[in-house]
């Protein structure tokens, strides 16, 4: 009977860090609010008249007024898009090196 109890003791202690001081507990992990990343513009396609355009953002086709990752697509032209979120706007250009906040 003593042998059985002695064999179960290491299993109960395995959940704790064996190098930690007795009675020590790891601090609670604090999570910070995540910020939505600006979607990546991967393409723009328009009909032959250039009137109805859609954008490919994060591998998803989105039209004007559509939402992706918390952003609203407010304007699509043949070479840039305007995204809005929380009263701010971002202009993403197809071949731009910089993202412009307006």
PDB file of N, CA and C in Angstrom:
ATOM      1  N   UNK A   1       0.818  -1.186   0.000  1.00  0.00           N
ATOM      2  CA  UNK A   1       0.000   0.000   0.000  1.00  0.00           C
ATOM      3  C   UNK A   1       0.863   1.251   0.000  1.00  0.00           C
ATOM      4  N   UNK A   2       1.936   1.259   0.767  1.00  0.00           N
ATOM      5  CA  UNK A   2       2.827   2.398   0.841  1.00  0.00           C
ATOM      6  C   UNK A   2       3.514   2.623  -0.504  1.00  0.00           C
ATOM      7  N   UNK A   3       3.816   1.565  -1.182  1.00  0.00           N
ATOM      8  CA  UNK A   3       4.496   1.662  -2.479  1.00  0.00           C
ATOM      9  C   UNK A   3       3.595   2.351  -3.501  1.00  0.00           C
ATOM     10  N   UNK A   4       2.315   2.058  -3.499  1.00  0.00           N
ATOM     11  CA  UNK A   4       1.381   2.662  -4.451  1.00  0.00           C
ATOM     12  C   UNK A   4       1.296   4.170  -4.229  1.00  0.00           C
ATOM     13  N   UNK A   5       1.190   4.613  -2.995  1.00  0.00           N
ATOM     14  CA  UNK A   5       1.128   6.042  -2.687  1.00  0.00           C
ATOM     15  C   UNK A   5       2.443   6.710  -3.074  1.00  0.00           C
ATOM     16  N   UNK A   6       3.535   6.088  -2.818  1.00  0.00           N
ATOM     17  CA  UNK A   6       4.835   6.654  -3.129  1.00  0.00           C
ATOM     18  C   UNK A   6       5.005   6.822  -4.642  1.00  0.00           C
ATOM     19  N   UNK A   7       4.436   5.941  -5.452  1.00  0.00           N
ATOM     20  CA  UNK A   7       4.523   6.048  -6.904  1.00  0.00           C
ATOM     21  C   UNK A   7       3.639   7.172  -7.459  1.00  0.00           C
ATOM     22  N   UNK A   8       2.565   7.543  -6.771  1.00  0.00           N
ATOM     23  CA  UNK A   8       1.657   8.576  -7.248  1.00  0.00           C
ATOM     24  C   UNK A   8       2.123   9.983  -6.890  1.00  0.00           C
ATOM     25  N   UNK A   9       3.002  10.135  -5.946  1.00  0.00           N
ATOM     26  CA  UNK A   9       3.491  11.449  -5.536  1.00  0.00           C
ATOM     27  C   UNK A   9       4.198  12.176  -6.682  1.00  0.00           C
ATOM     28  N   UNK A  10       5.064  11.550  -7.471  1.00  0.00           N
ATOM     29  CA  UNK A  10       5.698  12.268  -8.574  1.00  0.00           C
ATOM     30  C   UNK A  10       4.693  12.779  -9.616  1.00  0.00           C
ATOM     31  N   UNK A  11       3.577  12.094  -9.802  1.00  0.00           N
ATOM     32  CA  UNK A  11       2.566  12.552 -10.761  1.00  0.00           C
ATOM     33  C   UNK A  11       1.918  13.851 -10.290  1.00  0.00           C
ATOM     34  N   UNK A  12       1.686  13.991  -9.007  1.00  0.00           N
ATOM     35  CA  UNK A  12       1.071  15.207  -8.477  1.00  0.00           C
ATOM     36  C   UNK A  12       2.034  16.382  -8.561  1.00  0.00           C
ATOM     37  N   UNK A  13       3.307  16.142  -8.426  1.00  0.00           N
ATOM     38  CA  UNK A  13       4.289  17.207  -8.472  1.00  0.00           C
ATOM     39  C   UNK A  13       4.696  17.571  -9.892  1.00  0.00           C
ATOM     40  N   UNK A  14       4.387  16.767 -10.877  1.00  0.00           N
ATOM     41  CA  UNK A  14       4.800  17.015 -12.256  1.00  0.00           C
ATOM     42  C   UNK A  14       4.138  18.260 -12.833  1.00  0.00           C
ATOM     43  N   UNK A  15       2.985  18.661 -12.305  1.00  0.00           N
ATOM     44  CA  UNK A  15       2.295  19.837 -12.819  1.00  0.00           C
ATOM     45  C   UNK A  15       3.006  21.121 -12.410  1.00  0.00           C
ATOM     46  N   UNK A  16       3.866  21.090 -11.418  1.00  0.00           N
ATOM     47  CA  UNK A  16       4.586  22.267 -10.945  1.00  0.00           C
ATOM     48  C   UNK A  16       6.007  22.257 -11.496  1.00  0.00           C
ATOM     49  N   UNK A  17       6.587  23.430 -11.564  1.00  0.00           N
ATOM     50  CA  UNK A  17       7.981  23.551 -11.987  1.00  0.00           C
ATOM     51  C   UNK A  17       8.862  23.030 -10.856  1.00  0.00           C
ATOM     52  N   UNK A  18       9.637  22.006 -11.100  1.00  0.00           N
ATOM     53  CA  UNK A  18      10.437  21.436 -10.012  1.00  0.00           C
ATOM     54  C   UNK A  18      11.566  22.357  -9.551  1.00  0.00           C
ATOM     55  N   UNK A  19      11.901  23.370 -10.318  1.00  0.00           N
ATOM     56  CA  UNK A  19      12.982  24.275  -9.919  1.00  0.00           C
ATOM     57  C   UNK A  19      12.461  25.522  -9.209  1.00  0.00           C
ATOM     58  N   UNK A  20      11.150  25.693  -9.142  1.00  0.00           N
ATOM     59  CA  UNK A  20      10.561  26.877  -8.505  1.00  0.00           C
ATOM     60  C   UNK A  20      10.593  26.725  -6.986  1.00  0.00           C
ATOM     61  N   UNK A  21      10.699  27.839  -6.250  1.00  0.00           N
ATOM     62  CA  UNK A  21      10.650  27.765  -4.787  1.00  0.00           C
ATOM     63  C   UNK A  21       9.300  27.220  -4.327  1.00  0.00           C
ATOM     64  N   UNK A  22       9.282  26.619  -3.142  1.00  0.00           N
ATOM     65  CA  UNK A  22       8.041  26.056  -2.607  1.00  0.00           C
ATOM     66  C   UNK A  22       6.992  27.149  -2.436  1.00  0.00           C
ATOM     67  N   UNK A  23       5.781  26.886  -2.874  1.00  0.00           N
ATOM     68  CA  UNK A  23       4.679  27.828  -2.737  1.00  0.00           C
ATOM     69  C   UNK A  23       4.648  28.922  -3.800  1.00  0.00           C
ATOM     70  N   UNK A  24       5.633  28.950  -4.687  1.00  0.00           N
ATOM     71  CA  UNK A  24       5.677  29.989  -5.725  1.00  0.00           C
ATOM     72  C   UNK A  24       4.684  29.660  -6.826  1.00  0.00           C
ATOM     73  N   UNK A  25       4.001  30.704  -7.316  1.00  0.00           N
ATOM     74  CA  UNK A  25       3.087  30.523  -8.440  1.00  0.00           C
ATOM     75  C   UNK A  25       3.425  31.554  -9.504  1.00  0.00           C
ATOM     76  N   UNK A  26       3.307  31.149 -10.741  1.00  0.00           N
ATOM     77  CA  UNK A  26       3.603  32.051 -11.860  1.00  0.00           C
ATOM     78  C   UNK A  26       2.598  33.199 -11.856  1.00  0.00           C
ATOM     79  N   UNK A  27       3.040  34.422 -12.185  1.00  0.00           N
ATOM     80  CA  UNK A  27       2.113  35.556 -12.241  1.00  0.00           C
ATOM     81  C   UNK A  27       1.102  35.350 -13.367  1.00  0.00           C
ATOM     82  N   UNK A  28      -0.061  35.925 -13.168  1.00  0.00           N
ATOM     83  CA  UNK A  28      -1.110  35.816 -14.185  1.00  0.00           C
ATOM     84  C   UNK A  28      -0.658  36.532 -15.450  1.00  0.00           C
ATOM     85  N   UNK A  29      -0.964  35.949 -16.570  1.00  0.00           N
ATOM     86  CA  UNK A  29      -0.592  36.537 -17.856  1.00  0.00           C
ATOM     87  C   UNK A  29      -1.587  37.627 -18.199  1.00  0.00           C
ATOM     88  N   UNK A  30      -1.073  38.820 -18.437  1.00  0.00           N
ATOM     89  CA  UNK A  30      -1.929  39.942 -18.801  1.00  0.00           C
ATOM     90  C   UNK A  30      -2.013  40.006 -20.319  1.00  0.00           C
ATOM     91  N   UNK A  31      -3.218  40.149 -20.807  1.00  0.00           N
ATOM     92  CA  UNK A  31      -3.391  40.282 -22.245  1.00  0.00           C
ATOM     93  C   UNK A  31      -3.695  41.733 -22.566  1.00  0.00           C
ATOM     94  N   UNK A  32      -2.981  42.256 -23.523  1.00  0.00           N
ATOM     95  CA  UNK A  32      -3.237  43.625 -23.954  1.00  0.00           C
ATOM     96  C   UNK A  32      -4.228  43.588 -25.107  1.00  0.00           C
ATOM     97  N   UNK A  33      -5.017  44.639 -25.245  1.00  0.00           N
ATOM     98  CA  UNK A  33      -5.976  44.647 -26.344  1.00  0.00           C
ATOM     99  C   UNK A  33      -5.230  44.591 -27.673  1.00  0.00           C
ATOM    100  N   UNK A  34      -5.702  43.738 -28.559  1.00  0.00           N
ATOM    101  CA  UNK A  34      -5.031  43.594 -29.843  1.00  0.00           C
ATOM    102  C   UNK A  34      -5.474  44.696 -30.794  1.00  0.00           C
ATOM    103  N   UNK A  35      -4.547  45.150 -31.560  1.00  0.00           N
ATOM    104  CA  UNK A  35      -4.838  46.169 -32.559  1.00  0.00           C
ATOM    105  C   UNK A  35      -5.042  45.461 -33.887  1.00  0.00           C
ATOM    106  N   UNK A  36      -6.096  45.843 -34.574  1.00  0.00           N
ATOM    107  CA  UNK A  36      -6.361  45.238 -35.876  1.00  0.00           C
ATOM    108  C   UNK A  36      -5.297  45.712 -36.856  1.00  0.00           C
ATOM    109  N   UNK A  37      -4.696  44.776 -37.536  1.00  0.00           N
ATOM    110  CA  UNK A  37      -3.688  45.115 -38.523  1.00  0.00           C
ATOM    111  C   UNK A  37      -4.362  45.625 -39.782  1.00  0.00           C
ATOM    112  N   UNK A  38      -3.745  46.581 -40.408  1.00  0.00           N
ATOM    113  CA  UNK A  38      -4.249  47.133 -41.656  1.00  0.00           C
ATOM    114  C   UNK A  38      -4.222  46.037 -42.712  1.00  0.00           C
ATOM    115  N   UNK A  39      -5.348  45.795 -43.387  1.00  0.00           N
ATOM    116  CA  UNK A  39      -5.365  44.752 -44.417  1.00  0.00           C
ATOM    117  C   UNK A  39      -4.355  45.048 -45.523  1.00  0.00           C
ATOM    118  N   UNK A  40      -3.876  43.994 -46.155  1.00  0.00           N
ATOM    119  CA  UNK A  40      -2.915  44.134 -47.240  1.00  0.00           C
ATOM    120  C   UNK A  40      -3.660  44.169 -48.570  1.00  0.00           C
ATOM    121  N   UNK A  41      -3.420  45.194 -49.366  1.00  0.00           N
ATOM    122  CA  UNK A  41      -4.024  45.320 -50.687  1.00  0.00           C
ATOM    123  C   UNK A  41      -3.241  44.453 -51.656  1.00  0.00           C
ATOM    124  N   UNK A  42      -3.924  43.474 -52.249  1.00  0.00           N
ATOM    125  CA  UNK A  42      -3.259  42.543 -53.145  1.00  0.00           C
ATOM    126  C   UNK A  42      -3.678  42.723 -54.601  1.00  0.00           C
ATOM    127  N   UNK A  43      -4.785  43.408 -54.832  1.00  0.00           N
ATOM    128  CA  UNK A  43      -5.210  43.609 -56.211  1.00  0.00           C
ATOM    129  C   UNK A  43      -6.473  44.448 -56.287  1.00  0.00           C
ATOM    130  N   UNK A  44      -6.696  45.026 -57.454  1.00  0.00           N
ATOM    131  CA  UNK A  44      -7.909  45.791 -57.742  1.00  0.00           C
ATOM    132  C   UNK A  44      -8.374  45.362 -59.116  1.00  0.00           C
ATOM    133  N   UNK A  45      -9.658  45.089 -59.252  1.00  0.00           N
ATOM    134  CA  UNK A  45     -10.185  44.795 -60.584  1.00  0.00           C
ATOM    135  C   UNK A  45     -11.496  45.542 -60.774  1.00  0.00           C
ATOM    136  N   UNK A  46     -11.696  46.045 -62.002  1.00  0.00           N
ATOM    137  CA  UNK A  46     -12.861  46.857 -62.340  1.00  0.00           C
ATOM    138  C   UNK A  46     -13.522  46.282 -63.588  1.00  0.00           C
ATOM    139  N   UNK A  47     -14.790  46.627 -63.781  1.00  0.00           N
ATOM    140  CA  UNK A  47     -15.455  46.208 -65.020  1.00  0.00           C
ATOM    141  C   UNK A  47     -14.893  47.042 -66.183  1.00  0.00           C
ATOM    142  N   UNK A  48     -15.354  46.764 -67.382  1.00  0.00           N
ATOM    143  CA  UNK A  48     -14.798  47.429 -68.560  1.00  0.00           C
ATOM    144  C   UNK A  48     -15.007  48.938 -68.535  1.00  0.00           C
ATOM    145  N   UNK A  49     -16.086  49.398 -67.934  1.00  0.00           N
ATOM    146  CA  UNK A  49     -16.345  50.842 -67.850  1.00  0.00           C
ATOM    147  C   UNK A  49     -15.527  51.508 -66.746  1.00  0.00           C
ATOM    148  N   UNK A  50     -14.966  50.722 -65.862  1.00  0.00           N
ATOM    149  CA  UNK A  50     -14.225  51.280 -64.736  1.00  0.00           C
ATOM    150  C   UNK A  50     -15.135  51.811 -63.643  1.00  0.00           C
ATOM    151  N   UNK A  51     -16.414  51.480 -63.709  1.00  0.00           N
ATOM    152  CA  UNK A  51     -17.382  51.995 -62.730  1.00  0.00           C
ATOM    153  C   UNK A  51     -17.464  51.116 -61.486  1.00  0.00           C
ATOM    154  N   UNK A  52     -17.580  49.825 -61.666  1.00  0.00           N
ATOM    155  CA  UNK A  52     -17.716  48.907 -60.528  1.00  0.00           C
ATOM    156  C   UNK A  52     -16.369  48.243 -60.266  1.00  0.00           C
ATOM    157  N   UNK A  53     -15.700  48.663 -59.209  1.00  0.00           N
ATOM    158  CA  UNK A  53     -14.386  48.114 -58.861  1.00  0.00           C
ATOM    159  C   UNK A  53     -14.476  47.354 -57.537  1.00  0.00           C
ATOM    160  N   UNK A  54     -13.645  46.339 -57.421  1.00  0.00           N
ATOM    161  CA  UNK A  54     -13.512  45.554 -56.193  1.00  0.00           C
ATOM    162  C   UNK A  54     -12.026  45.449 -55.869  1.00  0.00           C
ATOM    163  N   UNK A  55     -11.741  45.232 -54.598  1.00  0.00           N
ATOM    164  CA  UNK A  55     -10.355  45.099 -54.154  1.00  0.00           C
ATOM    165  C   UNK A  55     -10.146  43.716 -53.549  1.00  0.00           C
ATOM    166  N   UNK A  56      -8.942  43.208 -53.688  1.00  0.00           N
ATOM    167  CA  UNK A  56      -8.534  41.975 -53.006  1.00  0.00           C
ATOM    168  C   UNK A  56      -7.714  42.409 -51.802  1.00  0.00           C
ATOM    169  N   UNK A  57      -8.279  42.210 -50.622  1.00  0.00           N
ATOM    170  CA  UNK A  57      -7.629  42.557 -49.359  1.00  0.00           C
ATOM    171  C   UNK A  57      -7.517  41.288 -48.522  1.00  0.00           C
ATOM    172  N   UNK A  58      -6.304  40.951 -48.125  1.00  0.00           N
ATOM    173  CA  UNK A  58      -6.065  39.726 -47.337  1.00  0.00           C
ATOM    174  C   UNK A  58      -6.692  38.506 -48.013  1.00  0.00           C
ATOM    175  N   UNK A  59      -6.540  38.412 -49.323  1.00  0.00           N
ATOM    176  CA  UNK A  59      -7.024  37.287 -50.139  1.00  0.00           C
ATOM    177  C   UNK A  59      -8.543  37.187 -50.199  1.00  0.00           C
ATOM    178  N   UNK A  60      -9.256  38.286 -49.905  1.00  0.00           N
ATOM    179  CA  UNK A  60     -10.714  38.303 -49.944  1.00  0.00           C
ATOM    180  C   UNK A  60     -11.158  39.428 -50.869  1.00  0.00           C
ATOM    181  N   UNK A  61     -12.102  39.126 -51.761  1.00  0.00           N
ATOM    182  CA  UNK A  61     -12.660  40.148 -52.650  1.00  0.00           C
ATOM    183  C   UNK A  61     -13.675  40.982 -51.868  1.00  0.00           C
ATOM    184  N   UNK A  62     -13.463  42.315 -51.861  1.00  0.00           N
ATOM    185  CA  UNK A  62     -14.307  43.228 -51.089  1.00  0.00           C
ATOM    186  C   UNK A  62     -14.736  44.369 -52.000  1.00  0.00           C
ATOM    187  N   UNK A  63     -16.026  44.698 -51.970  1.00  0.00           N
ATOM    188  CA  UNK A  63     -16.545  45.825 -52.728  1.00  0.00           C
ATOM    189  C   UNK A  63     -16.731  47.040 -51.835  1.00  0.00           C
ATOM    190  N   UNK A  64     -17.060  48.165 -52.437  1.00  0.00           N
ATOM    191  CA  UNK A  64     -17.280  49.397 -51.691  1.00  0.00           C
ATOM    192  C   UNK A  64     -18.353  49.173 -50.631  1.00  0.00           C
ATOM    193  N   UNK A  65     -18.065  49.585 -49.417  1.00  0.00           N
ATOM    194  CA  UNK A  65     -18.973  49.393 -48.291  1.00  0.00           C
ATOM    195  C   UNK A  65     -18.743  48.092 -47.543  1.00  0.00           C
ATOM    196  N   UNK A  66     -17.925  47.205 -48.106  1.00  0.00           N
ATOM    197  CA  UNK A  66     -17.627  45.927 -47.446  1.00  0.00           C
ATOM    198  C   UNK A  66     -16.682  46.112 -46.278  1.00  0.00           C
ATOM    199  N   UNK A  67     -16.670  45.126 -45.387  1.00  0.00           N
ATOM    200  CA  UNK A  67     -15.822  45.195 -44.198  1.00  0.00           C
ATOM    201  C   UNK A  67     -14.848  44.035 -44.192  1.00  0.00           C
ATOM    202  N   UNK A  68     -13.647  44.336 -43.714  1.00  0.00           N
ATOM    203  CA  UNK A  68     -12.623  43.298 -43.548  1.00  0.00           C
ATOM    204  C   UNK A  68     -11.729  43.687 -42.369  1.00  0.00           C
ATOM    205  N   UNK A  69     -11.549  42.778 -41.449  1.00  0.00           N
ATOM    206  CA  UNK A  69     -10.694  42.969 -40.266  1.00  0.00           C
ATOM    207  C   UNK A  69     -11.035  44.237 -39.493  1.00  0.00           C
ATOM    208  N   UNK A  70     -12.314  44.597 -39.439  1.00  0.00           N
ATOM    209  CA  UNK A  70     -12.741  45.768 -38.695  1.00  0.00           C
ATOM    210  C   UNK A  70     -12.645  47.067 -39.475  1.00  0.00           C
ATOM    211  N   UNK A  71     -12.190  47.025 -40.710  1.00  0.00           N
ATOM    212  CA  UNK A  71     -12.076  48.204 -41.564  1.00  0.00           C
ATOM    213  C   UNK A  71     -13.204  48.180 -42.592  1.00  0.00           C
ATOM    214  N   UNK A  72     -13.671  49.368 -42.988  1.00  0.00           N
ATOM    215  CA  UNK A  72     -14.690  49.495 -44.019  1.00  0.00           C
ATOM    216  C   UNK A  72     -14.041  50.042 -45.271  1.00  0.00           C
ATOM    217  N   UNK A  73     -14.295  49.400 -46.392  1.00  0.00           N
ATOM    218  CA  UNK A  73     -13.777  49.852 -47.677  1.00  0.00           C
ATOM    219  C   UNK A  73     -14.711  50.935 -48.195  1.00  0.00           C
ATOM    220  N   UNK A  74     -14.270  52.189 -48.161  1.00  0.00           N
ATOM    221  CA  UNK A  74     -15.154  53.295 -48.521  1.00  0.00           C
ATOM    222  C   UNK A  74     -15.023  53.724 -49.972  1.00  0.00           C
ATOM    223  N   UNK A  75     -13.877  53.465 -50.590  1.00  0.00           N
ATOM    224  CA  UNK A  75     -13.691  53.868 -51.984  1.00  0.00           C
ATOM    225  C   UNK A  75     -12.712  52.926 -52.664  1.00  0.00           C
ATOM    226  N   UNK A  76     -13.025  52.590 -53.933  1.00  0.00           N
ATOM    227  CA  UNK A  76     -12.134  51.755 -54.739  1.00  0.00           C
ATOM    228  C   UNK A  76     -11.971  52.433 -56.091  1.00  0.00           C
ATOM    229  N   UNK A  77     -10.738  52.698 -56.470  1.00  0.00           N
ATOM    230  CA  UNK A  77     -10.451  53.205 -57.809  1.00  0.00           C
ATOM    231  C   UNK A  77      -9.550  52.187 -58.496  1.00  0.00           C
ATOM    232  N   UNK A  78      -9.144  52.496 -59.721  1.00  0.00           N
ATOM    233  CA  UNK A  78      -8.323  51.529 -60.443  1.00  0.00           C
ATOM    234  C   UNK A  78      -6.888  51.431 -59.933  1.00  0.00           C
ATOM    235  N   UNK A  79      -6.441  52.355 -59.048  1.00  0.00           N
ATOM    236  CA  UNK A  79      -5.074  52.254 -58.534  1.00  0.00           C
ATOM    237  C   UNK A  79      -4.920  52.436 -57.018  1.00  0.00           C
ATOM    238  N   UNK A  80      -6.000  52.716 -56.304  1.00  0.00           N
ATOM    239  CA  UNK A  80      -5.916  52.802 -54.844  1.00  0.00           C
ATOM    240  C   UNK A  80      -7.284  52.523 -54.220  1.00  0.00           C
ATOM    241  N   UNK A  81      -7.259  52.272 -52.894  1.00  0.00           N
ATOM    242  CA  UNK A  81      -8.492  52.085 -52.116  1.00  0.00           C
ATOM    243  C   UNK A  81      -8.394  52.952 -50.870  1.00  0.00           C
ATOM    244  N   UNK A  82      -9.558  53.297 -50.332  1.00  0.00           N
ATOM    245  CA  UNK A  82      -9.632  54.035 -49.068  1.00  0.00           C
ATOM    246  C   UNK A  82     -10.328  53.142 -48.051  1.00  0.00           C
ATOM    247  N   UNK A  83      -9.653  52.918 -46.907  1.00  0.00           N
ATOM    248  CA  UNK A  83     -10.221  52.151 -45.798  1.00  0.00           C
ATOM    249  C   UNK A  83     -10.522  53.111 -44.660  1.00  0.00           C
ATOM    250  N   UNK A  84     -11.588  52.835 -43.909  1.00  0.00           N
ATOM    251  CA  UNK A  84     -11.947  53.658 -42.760  1.00  0.00           C
ATOM    252  C   UNK A  84     -12.126  52.782 -41.535  1.00  0.00           C
ATOM    253  N   UNK A  85     -11.786  53.387 -40.405  1.00  0.00           N
ATOM    254  CA  UNK A  85     -12.017  52.724 -39.116  1.00  0.00           C
ATOM    255  C   UNK A  85     -11.899  53.766 -38.018  1.00  0.00           C
ATOM    256  N   UNK A  86     -12.913  53.852 -37.185  1.00  0.00           N
ATOM    257  CA  UNK A  86     -12.874  54.748 -36.031  1.00  0.00           C
ATOM    258  C   UNK A  86     -12.611  56.200 -36.384  1.00  0.00           C
ATOM    259  N   UNK A  87     -13.186  56.693 -37.455  1.00  0.00           N
ATOM    260  CA  UNK A  87     -13.018  58.083 -37.835  1.00  0.00           C
ATOM    261  C   UNK A  87     -11.719  58.394 -38.564  1.00  0.00           C
ATOM    262  N   UNK A  88     -10.892  57.391 -38.796  1.00  0.00           N
ATOM    263  CA  UNK A  88      -9.634  57.587 -39.526  1.00  0.00           C
ATOM    264  C   UNK A  88      -9.729  56.939 -40.887  1.00  0.00           C
ATOM    265  N   UNK A  89      -8.901  57.401 -41.817  1.00  0.00           N
ATOM    266  CA  UNK A  89      -8.868  56.850 -43.164  1.00  0.00           C
ATOM    267  C   UNK A  89      -7.444  56.470 -43.538  1.00  0.00           C
ATOM    268  N   UNK A  90      -7.329  55.413 -44.342  1.00  0.00           N
ATOM    269  CA  UNK A  90      -6.053  54.993 -44.888  1.00  0.00           C
ATOM    270  C   UNK A  90      -6.211  54.820 -46.391  1.00  0.00           C
ATOM    271  N   UNK A  91      -5.245  55.326 -47.132  1.00  0.00           N
ATOM    272  CA  UNK A  91      -5.235  55.168 -48.581  1.00  0.00           C
ATOM    273  C   UNK A  91      -4.157  54.149 -48.917  1.00  0.00           C
ATOM    274  N   UNK A  92      -4.573  53.027 -49.486  1.00  0.00           N
ATOM    275  CA  UNK A  92      -3.638  51.973 -49.886  1.00  0.00           C
ATOM    276  C   UNK A  92      -3.522  52.005 -51.401  1.00  0.00           C
ATOM    277  N   UNK A  93      -2.302  52.172 -51.888  1.00  0.00           N
ATOM    278  CA  UNK A  93      -2.073  52.207 -53.328  1.00  0.00           C
ATOM    279  C   UNK A  93      -1.491  50.880 -53.784  1.00  0.00           C
ATOM    280  N   UNK A  94      -1.794  50.521 -55.028  1.00  0.00           N
ATOM    281  CA  UNK A  94      -1.334  49.236 -55.553  1.00  0.00           C
ATOM    282  C   UNK A  94       0.172  49.102 -55.537  1.00  0.00           C
ATOM    283  N   UNK A  95       0.898  50.119 -55.955  1.00  0.00           N
ATOM    284  CA  UNK A  95       2.335  49.993 -56.076  1.00  0.00           C
ATOM    285  C   UNK A  95       3.075  51.026 -55.245  1.00  0.00           C
ATOM    286  N   UNK A  96       2.478  51.437 -54.145  1.00  0.00           N
ATOM    287  CA  UNK A  96       3.108  52.453 -53.287  1.00  0.00           C
ATOM    288  C   UNK A  96       4.006  51.793 -52.257  1.00  0.00           C
ATOM    289  N   UNK A  97       5.054  52.489 -51.903  1.00  0.00           N
ATOM    290  CA  UNK A  97       5.935  52.016 -50.827  1.00  0.00           C
ATOM    291  C   UNK A  97       5.410  52.462 -49.475  1.00  0.00           C
ATOM    292  N   UNK A  98       4.603  53.513 -49.456  1.00  0.00           N
ATOM    293  CA  UNK A  98       4.104  54.070 -48.206  1.00  0.00           C
ATOM    294  C   UNK A  98       2.593  53.969 -48.136  1.00  0.00           C
ATOM    295  N   UNK A  99       2.083  53.782 -46.921  1.00  0.00           N
ATOM    296  CA  UNK A  99       0.661  53.830 -46.658  1.00  0.00           C
ATOM    297  C   UNK A  99       0.386  55.205 -46.088  1.00  0.00           C
ATOM    298  N   UNK A 100      -0.563  55.909 -46.664  1.00  0.00           N
ATOM    299  CA  UNK A 100      -0.829  57.274 -46.248  1.00  0.00           C
ATOM    300  C   UNK A 100      -2.081  57.326 -45.396  1.00  0.00           C
ATOM    301  N   UNK A 101      -1.960  57.909 -44.205  1.00  0.00           N
ATOM    302  CA  UNK A 101      -3.107  58.126 -43.341  1.00  0.00           C
ATOM    303  C   UNK A 101      -3.640  59.511 -43.616  1.00  0.00           C
ATOM    304  N   UNK A 102      -4.929  59.608 -43.898  1.00  0.00           N
ATOM    305  CA  UNK A 102      -5.518  60.900 -44.246  1.00  0.00           C
ATOM    306  C   UNK A 102      -6.356  61.427 -43.116  1.00  0.00           C
TER     307      UNK A 102
END
